[in-house]
Amino acid sequence: MPTRIKDDLFGVDTKDTCNLLKKTRKYNYTLKASGGGKLSFKIKYYVLPELGESGRGRWVVTEKKSKIASGTTLDGTFTPGKTYESEGGQSKLQIVFSRAIGTAGVAYDFVMEPA
């Protein structure tokens, strides 16, 4: 079943961060931008600390930062690492959408589904 994130970044709103818990597997995604501005986005997954390590876990980038202009579409594929072992493995994902301060606003429509 596809997951859709649809929103916009206008005015003083320059960054949206979405956290998801998904089954660990390969995903295809499509990102569309509109509204005149440019959009940047990246995908990270959370790694728990190793046994015996102190501190919290860390975020690891699985899809490097990409920039997309309004009126265009970006397609891609990513495979996150495992965060949790339960139920065959689950990944805690963080998808970050942003635009530069002082630039035109942008609307986005992101859809991801299992490959």
PDB file of N, CA and C in Angstrom:
ATOM      1  N   MET A   1       0.840  -1.175   0.000  1.00  0.00           N
ATOM      2  CA  MET A   1       0.000   0.000   0.000  1.00  0.00           C
ATOM      3  C   MET A   1       0.888   1.243   0.000  1.00  0.00           C
ATOM      4  N   PRO A   2       0.633   2.190  -0.889  1.00  0.00           N
ATOM      5  CA  PRO A   2       1.468   3.390  -0.970  1.00  0.00           C
ATOM      6  C   PRO A   2       1.302   4.306   0.250  1.00  0.00           C
ATOM      7  N   THR A   3       2.355   5.029   0.546  1.00  0.00           N
ATOM      8  CA  THR A   3       2.337   6.064   1.584  1.00  0.00           C
ATOM      9  C   THR A   3       2.501   7.400   0.884  1.00  0.00           C
ATOM     10  N   ARG A   4       1.621   8.353   1.176  1.00  0.00           N
ATOM     11  CA  ARG A   4       1.655   9.661   0.522  1.00  0.00           C
ATOM     12  C   ARG A   4       1.860  10.756   1.562  1.00  0.00           C
ATOM     13  N   ILE A   5       2.759  11.693   1.234  1.00  0.00           N
ATOM     14  CA  ILE A   5       2.983  12.879   2.055  1.00  0.00           C
ATOM     15  C   ILE A   5       2.824  14.068   1.123  1.00  0.00           C
ATOM     16  N   LYS A   6       1.822  14.883   1.391  1.00  0.00           N
ATOM     17  CA  LYS A   6       1.525  16.020   0.521  1.00  0.00           C
ATOM     18  C   LYS A   6       1.402  17.266   1.397  1.00  0.00           C
ATOM     19  N   ASP A   7       2.196  18.293   1.087  1.00  0.00           N
ATOM     20  CA  ASP A   7       2.187  19.511   1.905  1.00  0.00           C
ATOM     21  C   ASP A   7       2.844  20.628   1.109  1.00  0.00           C
ATOM     22  N   ASP A   8       3.127  21.734   1.772  1.00  0.00           N
ATOM     23  CA  ASP A   8       3.806  22.838   1.099  1.00  0.00           C
ATOM     24  C   ASP A   8       4.691  23.601   2.076  1.00  0.00           C
ATOM     25  N   LEU A   9       5.606  24.366   1.518  1.00  0.00           N
ATOM     26  CA  LEU A   9       6.526  25.206   2.293  1.00  0.00           C
ATOM     27  C   LEU A   9       6.433  26.623   1.723  1.00  0.00           C
ATOM     28  N   PHE A  10       5.657  27.466   2.378  1.00  0.00           N
ATOM     29  CA  PHE A  10       5.475  28.854   1.946  1.00  0.00           C
ATOM     30  C   PHE A  10       5.711  29.784   3.132  1.00  0.00           C
ATOM     31  N   GLY A  11       6.007  31.042   2.863  1.00  0.00           N
ATOM     32  CA  GLY A  11       6.223  32.037   3.918  1.00  0.00           C
ATOM     33  C   GLY A  11       7.438  31.697   4.752  1.00  0.00           C
ATOM     34  N   VAL A  12       7.258  31.668   6.081  1.00  0.00           N
ATOM     35  CA  VAL A  12       8.377  31.372   6.981  1.00  0.00           C
ATOM     36  C   VAL A  12       8.575  29.866   7.173  1.00  0.00           C
ATOM     37  N   ASP A  13       7.704  29.068   6.588  1.00  0.00           N
ATOM     38  CA  ASP A  13       7.799  27.610   6.681  1.00  0.00           C
ATOM     39  C   ASP A  13       8.855  27.114   5.687  1.00  0.00           C
ATOM     40  N   THR A  14      10.000  26.648   6.185  1.00  0.00           N
ATOM     41  CA  THR A  14      11.092  26.235   5.293  1.00  0.00           C
ATOM     42  C   THR A  14      11.476  24.758   5.419  1.00  0.00           C
ATOM     43  N   LYS A  15      10.880  24.028   6.375  1.00  0.00           N
ATOM     44  CA  LYS A  15      11.289  22.640   6.560  1.00  0.00           C
ATOM     45  C   LYS A  15      10.151  21.809   7.162  1.00  0.00           C
ATOM     46  N   ASP A  16       9.956  20.626   6.599  1.00  0.00           N
ATOM     47  CA  ASP A  16       9.028  19.637   7.143  1.00  0.00           C
ATOM     48  C   ASP A  16       9.805  18.351   7.373  1.00  0.00           C
ATOM     49  N   THR A  17       9.599  17.735   8.533  1.00  0.00           N
ATOM     50  CA  THR A  17      10.231  16.464   8.846  1.00  0.00           C
ATOM     51  C   THR A  17       9.133  15.457   9.162  1.00  0.00           C
ATOM     52  N   CYS A  18       9.122  14.355   8.428  1.00  0.00           N
ATOM     53  CA  CYS A  18       8.114  13.311   8.623  1.00  0.00           C
ATOM     54  C   CYS A  18       8.793  12.043   9.123  1.00  0.00           C
ATOM     55  N   ASN A  19       8.294  11.502  10.222  1.00  0.00           N
ATOM     56  CA  ASN A  19       8.825  10.258  10.789  1.00  0.00           C
ATOM     57  C   ASN A  19       7.843   9.129  10.520  1.00  0.00           C
ATOM     58  N   LEU A  20       8.362   8.014   9.996  1.00  0.00           N
ATOM     59  CA  LEU A  20       7.539   6.862   9.663  1.00  0.00           C
ATOM     60  C   LEU A  20       8.189   5.590  10.196  1.00  0.00           C
ATOM     61  N   LEU A  21       7.388   4.609  10.514  1.00  0.00           N
ATOM     62  CA  LEU A  21       7.887   3.285  10.875  1.00  0.00           C
ATOM     63  C   LEU A  21       7.384   2.343   9.787  1.00  0.00           C
ATOM     64  N   LYS A  22       8.314   1.786   8.997  1.00  0.00           N
ATOM     65  CA  LYS A  22       7.950   0.959   7.846  1.00  0.00           C
ATOM     66  C   LYS A  22       8.701  -0.372   7.901  1.00  0.00           C
ATOM     67  N   LYS A  23       8.166  -1.352   7.234  1.00  0.00           N
ATOM     68  CA  LYS A  23       8.837  -2.642   7.114  1.00  0.00           C
ATOM     69  C   LYS A  23      10.155  -2.441   6.355  1.00  0.00           C
ATOM     70  N   THR A  24      11.209  -3.121   6.793  1.00  0.00           N
ATOM     71  CA  THR A  24      12.507  -2.995   6.149  1.00  0.00           C
ATOM     72  C   THR A  24      12.479  -3.749   4.820  1.00  0.00           C
ATOM     73  N   ARG A  25      12.513  -3.000   3.725  1.00  0.00           N
ATOM     74  CA  ARG A  25      12.508  -3.552   2.372  1.00  0.00           C
ATOM     75  C   ARG A  25      12.862  -2.443   1.393  1.00  0.00           C
ATOM     76  N   LYS A  26      12.923  -2.773   0.133  1.00  0.00           N
ATOM     77  CA  LYS A  26      13.221  -1.793  -0.912  1.00  0.00           C
ATOM     78  C   LYS A  26      11.945  -1.027  -1.256  1.00  0.00           C
ATOM     79  N   TYR A  27      12.078   0.302  -1.447  1.00  0.00           N
ATOM     80  CA  TYR A  27      10.945   1.162  -1.789  1.00  0.00           C
ATOM     81  C   TYR A  27      11.234   1.966  -3.048  1.00  0.00           C
ATOM     82  N   ASN A  28      10.192   2.193  -3.834  1.00  0.00           N
ATOM     83  CA  ASN A  28      10.231   3.137  -4.951  1.00  0.00           C
ATOM     84  C   ASN A  28       9.535   4.406  -4.483  1.00  0.00           C
ATOM     85  N   TYR A  29       9.991   5.555  -4.958  1.00  0.00           N
ATOM     86  CA  TYR A  29       9.312   6.801  -4.613  1.00  0.00           C
ATOM     87  C   TYR A  29       9.208   7.725  -5.817  1.00  0.00           C
ATOM     88  N   THR A  30       8.223   8.612  -5.746  1.00  0.00           N
ATOM     89  CA  THR A  30       8.031   9.676  -6.724  1.00  0.00           C
ATOM     90  C   THR A  30       7.803  10.958  -5.945  1.00  0.00           C
ATOM     91  N   LEU A  31       8.501  12.017  -6.327  1.00  0.00           N
ATOM     92  CA  LEU A  31       8.358  13.320  -5.686  1.00  0.00           C
ATOM     93  C   LEU A  31       8.062  14.348  -6.764  1.00  0.00           C
ATOM     94  N   LYS A  32       6.952  15.083  -6.591  1.00  0.00           N
ATOM     95  CA  LYS A  32       6.575  16.140  -7.530  1.00  0.00           C
ATOM     96  C   LYS A  32       6.579  17.468  -6.780  1.00  0.00           C
ATOM     97  N   ALA A  33       7.117  18.491  -7.418  1.00  0.00           N
ATOM     98  CA  ALA A  33       7.152  19.833  -6.822  1.00  0.00           C
ATOM     99  C   ALA A  33       6.362  20.794  -7.707  1.00  0.00           C
ATOM    100  N   SER A  34       5.677  21.750  -7.074  1.00  0.00           N
ATOM    101  CA  SER A  34       4.916  22.764  -7.813  1.00  0.00           C
ATOM    102  C   SER A  34       4.884  24.047  -6.992  1.00  0.00           C
ATOM    103  N   GLY A  35       4.408  25.110  -7.584  1.00  0.00           N
ATOM    104  CA  GLY A  35       4.241  26.365  -6.852  1.00  0.00           C
ATOM    105  C   GLY A  35       5.331  27.394  -7.086  1.00  0.00           C
ATOM    106  N   GLY A  36       6.341  27.078  -7.884  1.00  0.00           N
ATOM    107  CA  GLY A  36       7.338  28.078  -8.250  1.00  0.00           C
ATOM    108  C   GLY A  36       8.707  27.949  -7.622  1.00  0.00           C
ATOM    109  N   GLY A  37       8.813  27.300  -6.481  1.00  0.00           N
ATOM    110  CA  GLY A  37      10.096  27.237  -5.778  1.00  0.00           C
ATOM    111  C   GLY A  37      10.882  25.967  -6.061  1.00  0.00           C
ATOM    112  N   LYS A  38      11.988  25.819  -5.348  1.00  0.00           N
ATOM    113  CA  LYS A  38      12.826  24.620  -5.439  1.00  0.00           C
ATOM    114  C   LYS A  38      12.767  23.883  -4.111  1.00  0.00           C
ATOM    115  N   LEU A  39      12.771  22.578  -4.185  1.00  0.00           N
ATOM    116  CA  LEU A  39      12.629  21.726  -3.013  1.00  0.00           C
ATOM    117  C   LEU A  39      13.853  20.839  -2.861  1.00  0.00           C
ATOM    118  N   SER A  40      14.299  20.653  -1.633  1.00  0.00           N
ATOM    119  CA  SER A  40      15.349  19.689  -1.314  1.00  0.00           C
ATOM    120  C   SER A  40      14.732  18.623  -0.427  1.00  0.00           C
ATOM    121  N   PHE A  41      15.234  17.407  -0.566  1.00  0.00           N
ATOM    122  CA  PHE A  41      14.748  16.368   0.340  1.00  0.00           C
ATOM    123  C   PHE A  41      15.805  15.288   0.501  1.00  0.00           C
ATOM    124  N   LYS A  42      15.722  14.580   1.636  1.00  0.00           N
ATOM    125  CA  LYS A  42      16.587  13.428   1.895  1.00  0.00           C
ATOM    126  C   LYS A  42      15.843  12.458   2.800  1.00  0.00           C
ATOM    127  N   ILE A  43      16.309  11.206   2.805  1.00  0.00           N
ATOM    128  CA  ILE A  43      15.691  10.169   3.610  1.00  0.00           C
ATOM    129  C   ILE A  43      16.760   9.556   4.506  1.00  0.00           C
ATOM    130  N   LYS A  44      16.433   9.440   5.804  1.00  0.00           N
ATOM    131  CA  LYS A  44      17.343   8.849   6.778  1.00  0.00           C
ATOM    132  C   LYS A  44      16.630   7.719   7.512  1.00  0.00           C
ATOM    133  N   TYR A  45      17.412   6.805   8.080  1.00  0.00           N
ATOM    134  CA  TYR A  45      16.847   5.793   8.963  1.00  0.00           C
ATOM    135  C   TYR A  45      17.641   5.777  10.258  1.00  0.00           C
ATOM    136  N   TYR A  46      16.996   5.324  11.317  1.00  0.00           N
ATOM    137  CA  TYR A  46      17.579   5.354  12.655  1.00  0.00           C
ATOM    138  C   TYR A  46      18.265   4.033  12.969  1.00  0.00           C
ATOM    139  N   VAL A  47      19.458   4.126  13.545  1.00  0.00           N
ATOM    140  CA  VAL A  47      20.216   2.953  13.959  1.00  0.00           C
ATOM    141  C   VAL A  47      20.349   3.000  15.479  1.00  0.00           C
ATOM    142  N   LEU A  48      19.911   1.943  16.137  1.00  0.00           N
ATOM    143  CA  LEU A  48      20.045   1.854  17.595  1.00  0.00           C
ATOM    144  C   LEU A  48      21.511   1.671  17.958  1.00  0.00           C
ATOM    145  N   PRO A  49      21.900   2.058  19.180  1.00  0.00           N
ATOM    146  CA  PRO A  49      23.292   1.831  19.585  1.00  0.00           C
ATOM    147  C   PRO A  49      23.586   0.330  19.665  1.00  0.00           C
ATOM    148  N   GLU A  50      24.813  -0.039  19.333  1.00  0.00           N
ATOM    149  CA  GLU A  50      25.233  -1.434  19.418  1.00  0.00           C
ATOM    150  C   GLU A  50      25.268  -1.858  20.889  1.00  0.00           C
ATOM    151  N   LEU A  51      25.154  -3.142  21.108  1.00  0.00           N
ATOM    152  CA  LEU A  51      25.224  -3.674  22.459  1.00  0.00           C
ATOM    153  C   LEU A  51      26.545  -3.243  23.107  1.00  0.00           C
ATOM    154  N   GLY A  52      26.470  -2.643  24.250  1.00  0.00           N
ATOM    155  CA  GLY A  52      27.663  -2.172  24.947  1.00  0.00           C
ATOM    156  C   GLY A  52      28.023  -0.730  24.644  1.00  0.00           C
ATOM    157  N   GLU A  53      27.420  -0.120  23.621  1.00  0.00           N
ATOM    158  CA  GLU A  53      27.673   1.292  23.310  1.00  0.00           C
ATOM    159  C   GLU A  53      26.842   2.167  24.226  1.00  0.00           C
ATOM    160  N   SER A  54      27.398   3.281  24.582  1.00  0.00           N
ATOM    161  CA  SER A  54      26.627   4.227  25.389  1.00  0.00           C
ATOM    162  C   SER A  54      25.969   5.246  24.468  1.00  0.00           C
ATOM    163  N   GLY A  55      25.028   5.962  25.004  1.00  0.00           N
ATOM    164  CA  GLY A  55      24.359   7.004  24.232  1.00  0.00           C
ATOM    165  C   GLY A  55      23.157   6.491  23.473  1.00  0.00           C
ATOM    166  N   ARG A  56      22.612   7.386  22.714  1.00  0.00           N
ATOM    167  CA  ARG A  56      21.447   7.056  21.900  1.00  0.00           C
ATOM    168  C   ARG A  56      21.923   6.512  20.563  1.00  0.00           C
ATOM    169  N   GLY A  57      21.041   6.251  19.683  1.00  0.00           N
ATOM    170  CA  GLY A  57      21.397   5.798  18.348  1.00  0.00           C
ATOM    171  C   GLY A  57      21.780   6.980  17.471  1.00  0.00           C
ATOM    172  N   ARG A  58      21.741   6.757  16.162  1.00  0.00           N
ATOM    173  CA  ARG A  58      22.079   7.834  15.240  1.00  0.00           C
ATOM    174  C   ARG A  58      21.258   7.692  13.961  1.00  0.00           C
ATOM    175  N   TRP A  59      21.127   8.776  13.222  1.00  0.00           N
ATOM    176  CA  TRP A  59      20.441   8.777  11.940  1.00  0.00           C
ATOM    177  C   TRP A  59      21.476   8.563  10.837  1.00  0.00           C
ATOM    178  N   VAL A  60      21.145   7.696   9.888  1.00  0.00           N
ATOM    179  CA  VAL A  60      22.020   7.393   8.761  1.00  0.00           C
ATOM    180  C   VAL A  60      21.270   7.748   7.470  1.00  0.00           C
ATOM    181  N   VAL A  61      21.923   8.483   6.588  1.00  0.00           N
ATOM    182  CA  VAL A  61      21.290   8.877   5.327  1.00  0.00           C
ATOM    183  C   VAL A  61      21.243   7.677   4.390  1.00  0.00           C
ATOM    184  N   THR A  62      20.043   7.353   3.906  1.00  0.00           N
ATOM    185  CA  THR A  62      19.880   6.268   2.945  1.00  0.00           C
ATOM    186  C   THR A  62      19.600   6.805   1.550  1.00  0.00           C
ATOM    187  N   GLU A  63      19.072   8.013   1.451  1.00  0.00           N
ATOM    188  CA  GLU A  63      18.855   8.683   0.166  1.00  0.00           C
ATOM    189  C   GLU A  63      19.419  10.087   0.306  1.00  0.00           C
ATOM    190  N   LYS A  64      20.551  10.336  -0.351  1.00  0.00           N
ATOM    191  CA  LYS A  64      21.246  11.615  -0.217  1.00  0.00           C
ATOM    192  C   LYS A  64      20.373  12.770  -0.670  1.00  0.00           C
ATOM    193  N   LYS A  65      20.722  13.956  -0.173  1.00  0.00           N
ATOM    194  CA  LYS A  65      19.962  15.162  -0.470  1.00  0.00           C
ATOM    195  C   LYS A  65      19.867  15.386  -1.968  1.00  0.00           C
ATOM    196  N   SER A  66      18.642  15.569  -2.444  1.00  0.00           N
ATOM    197  CA  SER A  66      18.365  15.862  -3.845  1.00  0.00           C
ATOM    198  C   SER A  66      17.606  17.170  -3.914  1.00  0.00           C
ATOM    199  N   LYS A  67      17.788  17.889  -5.002  1.00  0.00           N
ATOM    200  CA  LYS A  67      17.053  19.134  -5.222  1.00  0.00           C
ATOM    201  C   LYS A  67      16.186  18.957  -6.456  1.00  0.00           C
ATOM    202  N   ILE A  68      14.992  19.530  -6.376  1.00  0.00           N
ATOM    203  CA  ILE A  68      14.032  19.406  -7.469  1.00  0.00           C
ATOM    204  C   ILE A  68      13.364  20.765  -7.688  1.00  0.00           C
ATOM    205  N   ALA A  69      13.267  21.176  -8.945  1.00  0.00           N
ATOM    206  CA  ALA A  69      12.632  22.442  -9.288  1.00  0.00           C
ATOM    207  C   ALA A  69      11.131  22.242  -9.436  1.00  0.00           C
ATOM    208  N   SER A  70      10.400  23.304  -9.205  1.00  0.00           N
ATOM    209  CA  SER A  70       8.956  23.268  -9.364  1.00  0.00           C
ATOM    210  C   SER A  70       8.604  22.852 -10.791  1.00  0.00           C
ATOM    211  N   GLY A  71       7.577  22.035 -10.928  1.00  0.00           N
ATOM    212  CA  GLY A  71       7.141  21.585 -12.241  1.00  0.00           C
ATOM    213  C   GLY A  71       7.838  20.318 -12.715  1.00  0.00           C
ATOM    214  N   THR A  72       8.705  19.747 -11.882  1.00  0.00           N
ATOM    215  CA  THR A  72       9.404  18.527 -12.279  1.00  0.00           C
ATOM    216  C   THR A  72       9.073  17.382 -11.315  1.00  0.00           C
ATOM    217  N   THR A  73       9.458  16.186 -11.729  1.00  0.00           N
ATOM    218  CA  THR A  73       9.222  14.977 -10.945  1.00  0.00           C
ATOM    219  C   THR A  73      10.537  14.234 -10.769  1.00  0.00           C
ATOM    220  N   LEU A  74      10.751  13.712  -9.581  1.00  0.00           N
ATOM    221  CA  LEU A  74      11.940  12.928  -9.279  1.00  0.00           C
ATOM    222  C   LEU A  74      11.493  11.530  -8.864  1.00  0.00           C
ATOM    223  N   ASP A  75      12.058  10.520  -9.507  1.00  0.00           N
ATOM    224  CA  ASP A  75      11.759   9.127  -9.171  1.00  0.00           C
ATOM    225  C   ASP A  75      13.022   8.487  -8.629  1.00  0.00           C
ATOM    226  N   GLY A  76      12.868   7.556  -7.693  1.00  0.00           N
ATOM    227  CA  GLY A  76      14.033   6.878  -7.147  1.00  0.00           C
ATOM    228  C   GLY A  76      13.659   5.644  -6.362  1.00  0.00           C
ATOM    229  N   THR A  77      14.692   5.003  -5.837  1.00  0.00           N
ATOM    230  CA  THR A  77      14.554   3.787  -5.051  1.00  0.00           C
ATOM    231  C   THR A  77      15.495   3.874  -3.865  1.00  0.00           C
ATOM    232  N   PHE A  78      15.075   3.370  -2.717  1.00  0.00           N
ATOM    233  CA  PHE A  78      15.954   3.311  -1.553  1.00  0.00           C
ATOM    234  C   PHE A  78      15.645   2.073  -0.728  1.00  0.00           C
ATOM    235  N   THR A  79      16.641   1.623   0.018  1.00  0.00           N
ATOM    236  CA  THR A  79      16.484   0.491   0.927  1.00  0.00           C
ATOM    237  C   THR A  79      17.062   0.897   2.271  1.00  0.00           C
ATOM    238  N   PRO A  80      16.211   1.129   3.273  1.00  0.00           N
ATOM    239  CA  PRO A  80      16.731   1.522   4.589  1.00  0.00           C
ATOM    240  C   PRO A  80      17.293   0.333   5.356  1.00  0.00           C
ATOM    241  N   GLY A  81      18.148   0.614   6.306  1.00  0.00           N
ATOM    242  CA  GLY A  81      18.642  -0.417   7.212  1.00  0.00           C
ATOM    243  C   GLY A  81      17.606  -0.704   8.283  1.00  0.00           C
ATOM    244  N   LYS A  82      17.813  -1.780   9.011  1.00  0.00           N
ATOM    245  CA  LYS A  82      16.891  -2.194  10.074  1.00  0.00           C
ATOM    246  C   LYS A  82      17.095  -1.364  11.333  1.00  0.00           C
ATOM    247  N   THR A  83      15.990  -0.927  11.927  1.00  0.00           N
ATOM    248  CA  THR A  83      16.034  -0.273  13.230  1.00  0.00           C
ATOM    249  C   THR A  83      15.633  -1.270  14.309  1.00  0.00           C
ATOM    250  N   TYR A  84      14.573  -2.025  14.048  1.00  0.00           N
ATOM    251  CA  TYR A  84      14.037  -2.975  15.015  1.00  0.00           C
ATOM    252  C   TYR A  84      13.961  -4.359  14.376  1.00  0.00           C
ATOM    253  N   GLU A  85      14.239  -5.402  15.146  1.00  0.00           N
ATOM    254  CA  GLU A  85      14.223  -6.777  14.646  1.00  0.00           C
ATOM    255  C   GLU A  85      12.827  -7.393  14.640  1.00  0.00           C
ATOM    256  N   SER A  86      11.897  -6.813  15.364  1.00  0.00           N
ATOM    257  CA  SER A  86      10.565  -7.411  15.483  1.00  0.00           C
ATOM    258  C   SER A  86       9.854  -7.467  14.134  1.00  0.00           C
ATOM    259  N   GLU A  87       8.988  -8.454  13.994  1.00  0.00           N
ATOM    260  CA  GLU A  87       8.133  -8.617  12.817  1.00  0.00           C
ATOM    261  C   GLU A  87       8.912  -8.608  11.500  1.00  0.00           C
ATOM    262  N   GLY A  88      10.053  -9.276  11.476  1.00  0.00           N
ATOM    263  CA  GLY A  88      10.819  -9.374  10.241  1.00  0.00           C
ATOM    264  C   GLY A  88      11.675  -8.158   9.957  1.00  0.00           C
ATOM    265  N   GLY A  89      11.708  -7.216  10.835  1.00  0.00           N
ATOM    266  CA  GLY A  89      12.533  -6.028  10.667  1.00  0.00           C
ATOM    267  C   GLY A  89      11.723  -4.799  10.304  1.00  0.00           C
ATOM    268  N   GLN A  90      11.921  -3.754  11.069  1.00  0.00           N
ATOM    269  CA  GLN A  90      11.256  -2.487  10.783  1.00  0.00           C
ATOM    270  C   GLN A  90      12.286  -1.374  10.786  1.00  0.00           C
ATOM    271  N   SER A  91      12.011  -0.353   9.995  1.00  0.00           N
ATOM    272  CA  SER A  91      12.903   0.796   9.877  1.00  0.00           C
ATOM    273  C   SER A  91      12.172   2.055  10.321  1.00  0.00           C
ATOM    274  N   LYS A  92      12.830   2.817  11.184  1.00  0.00           N
ATOM    275  CA  LYS A  92      12.318   4.125  11.578  1.00  0.00           C
ATOM    276  C   LYS A  92      12.900   5.121  10.584  1.00  0.00           C
ATOM    277  N   LEU A  93      12.035   5.682   9.735  1.00  0.00           N
ATOM    278  CA  LEU A  93      12.468   6.591   8.679  1.00  0.00           C
ATOM    279  C   LEU A  93      12.205   8.035   9.054  1.00  0.00           C
ATOM    280  N   GLN A  94      13.044   8.910   8.541  1.00  0.00           N
ATOM    281  CA  GLN A  94      12.842  10.349   8.662  1.00  0.00           C
ATOM    282  C   GLN A  94      13.013  10.937   7.270  1.00  0.00           C
ATOM    283  N   ILE A  95      11.950  11.537   6.757  1.00  0.00           N
ATOM    284  CA  ILE A  95      11.979  12.155   5.433  1.00  0.00           C
ATOM    285  C   ILE A  95      11.930  13.660   5.646  1.00  0.00           C
ATOM    286  N   VAL A  96      12.935  14.363   5.136  1.00  0.00           N
ATOM    287  CA  VAL A  96      13.072  15.799   5.369  1.00  0.00           C
ATOM    288  C   VAL A  96      12.894  16.544   4.054  1.00  0.00           C
ATOM    289  N   PHE A  97      11.915  17.456   4.028  1.00  0.00           N
ATOM    290  CA  PHE A  97      11.661  18.326   2.884  1.00  0.00           C
ATOM    291  C   PHE A  97      12.045  19.743   3.305  1.00  0.00           C
ATOM    292  N   SER A  98      12.753  20.481   2.442  1.00  0.00           N
ATOM    293  CA  SER A  98      13.147  21.838   2.820  1.00  0.00           C
ATOM    294  C   SER A  98      13.318  22.726   1.593  1.00  0.00           C
ATOM    295  N   ARG A  99      13.341  24.017   1.852  1.00  0.00           N
ATOM    296  CA  ARG A  99      13.650  25.016   0.827  1.00  0.00           C
ATOM    297  C   ARG A  99      14.511  26.076   1.487  1.00  0.00           C
ATOM    298  N   ALA A 100      15.276  26.790   0.685  1.00  0.00           N
ATOM    299  CA  ALA A 100      16.157  27.820   1.227  1.00  0.00           C
ATOM    300  C   ALA A 100      15.341  29.023   1.700  1.00  0.00           C
ATOM    301  N   ILE A 101      15.797  29.648   2.779  1.00  0.00           N
ATOM    302  CA  ILE A 101      15.143  30.858   3.296  1.00  0.00           C
ATOM    303  C   ILE A 101      15.218  31.949   2.231  1.00  0.00           C
ATOM    304  N   GLY A 102      14.111  32.646   2.041  1.00  0.00           N
ATOM    305  CA  GLY A 102      14.072  33.741   1.082  1.00  0.00           C
ATOM    306  C   GLY A 102      13.784  33.311  -0.341  1.00  0.00           C
ATOM    307  N   THR A 103      13.597  32.018  -0.569  1.00  0.00           N
ATOM    308  CA  THR A 103      13.275  31.552  -1.920  1.00  0.00           C
ATOM    309  C   THR A 103      11.766  31.395  -2.053  1.00  0.00           C
ATOM    310  N   ALA A 104      11.318  31.226  -3.289  1.00  0.00           N
ATOM    311  CA  ALA A 104       9.888  31.061  -3.545  1.00  0.00           C
ATOM    312  C   ALA A 104       9.367  29.809  -2.853  1.00  0.00           C
ATOM    313  N   GLY A 105       8.108  29.856  -2.438  1.00  0.00           N
ATOM    314  CA  GLY A 105       7.488  28.701  -1.796  1.00  0.00           C
ATOM    315  C   GLY A 105       7.295  27.556  -2.777  1.00  0.00           C
ATOM    316  N   VAL A 106       7.075  26.380  -2.224  1.00  0.00           N
ATOM    317  CA  VAL A 106       6.921  25.193  -3.061  1.00  0.00           C
ATOM    318  C   VAL A 106       5.957  24.216  -2.394  1.00  0.00           C
ATOM    319  N   ALA A 107       5.143  23.566  -3.208  1.00  0.00           N
ATOM    320  CA  ALA A 107       4.271  22.490  -2.741  1.00  0.00           C
ATOM    321  C   ALA A 107       4.888  21.178  -3.201  1.00  0.00           C
ATOM    322  N   TYR A 108       4.668  20.116  -2.437  1.00  0.00           N
ATOM    323  CA  TYR A 108       5.239  18.829  -2.823  1.00  0.00           C
ATOM    324  C   TYR A 108       4.251  17.695  -2.597  1.00  0.00           C
ATOM    325  N   ASP A 109       4.456  16.647  -3.375  1.00  0.00           N
ATOM    326  CA  ASP A 109       3.641  15.442  -3.296  1.00  0.00           C
ATOM    327  C   ASP A 109       4.599  14.256  -3.402  1.00  0.00           C
ATOM    328  N   PHE A 110       4.780  13.530  -2.300  1.00  0.00           N
ATOM    329  CA  PHE A 110       5.715  12.418  -2.207  1.00  0.00           C
ATOM    330  C   PHE A 110       4.930  11.135  -2.020  1.00  0.00           C
ATOM    331  N   VAL A 111       5.210  10.140  -2.849  1.00  0.00           N
ATOM    332  CA  VAL A 111       4.552   8.844  -2.734  1.00  0.00           C
ATOM    333  C   VAL A 111       5.626   7.763  -2.728  1.00  0.00           C
ATOM    334  N   MET A 112       5.558   6.864  -1.751  1.00  0.00           N
ATOM    335  CA  MET A 112       6.490   5.726  -1.692  1.00  0.00           C
ATOM    336  C   MET A 112       5.690   4.447  -1.539  1.00  0.00           C
ATOM    337  N   GLU A 113       6.202   3.374  -2.157  1.00  0.00           N
ATOM    338  CA  GLU A 113       5.553   2.074  -2.048  1.00  0.00           C
ATOM    339  C   GLU A 113       6.597   0.975  -2.195  1.00  0.00           C
ATOM    340  N   PRO A 114       6.303  -0.202  -1.678  1.00  0.00           N
ATOM    341  CA  PRO A 114       7.264  -1.308  -1.795  1.00  0.00           C
ATOM    342  C   PRO A 114       7.602  -1.588  -3.257  1.00  0.00           C
ATOM    343  N   ALA A 115       8.880  -1.861  -3.507  1.00  0.00           N
ATOM    344  CA  ALA A 115       9.331  -2.141  -4.888  1.00  0.00           C
ATOM    345  C   ALA A 115       8.929  -3.545  -5.307  1.00  0.00           C
TER     346      ALA A 115
END
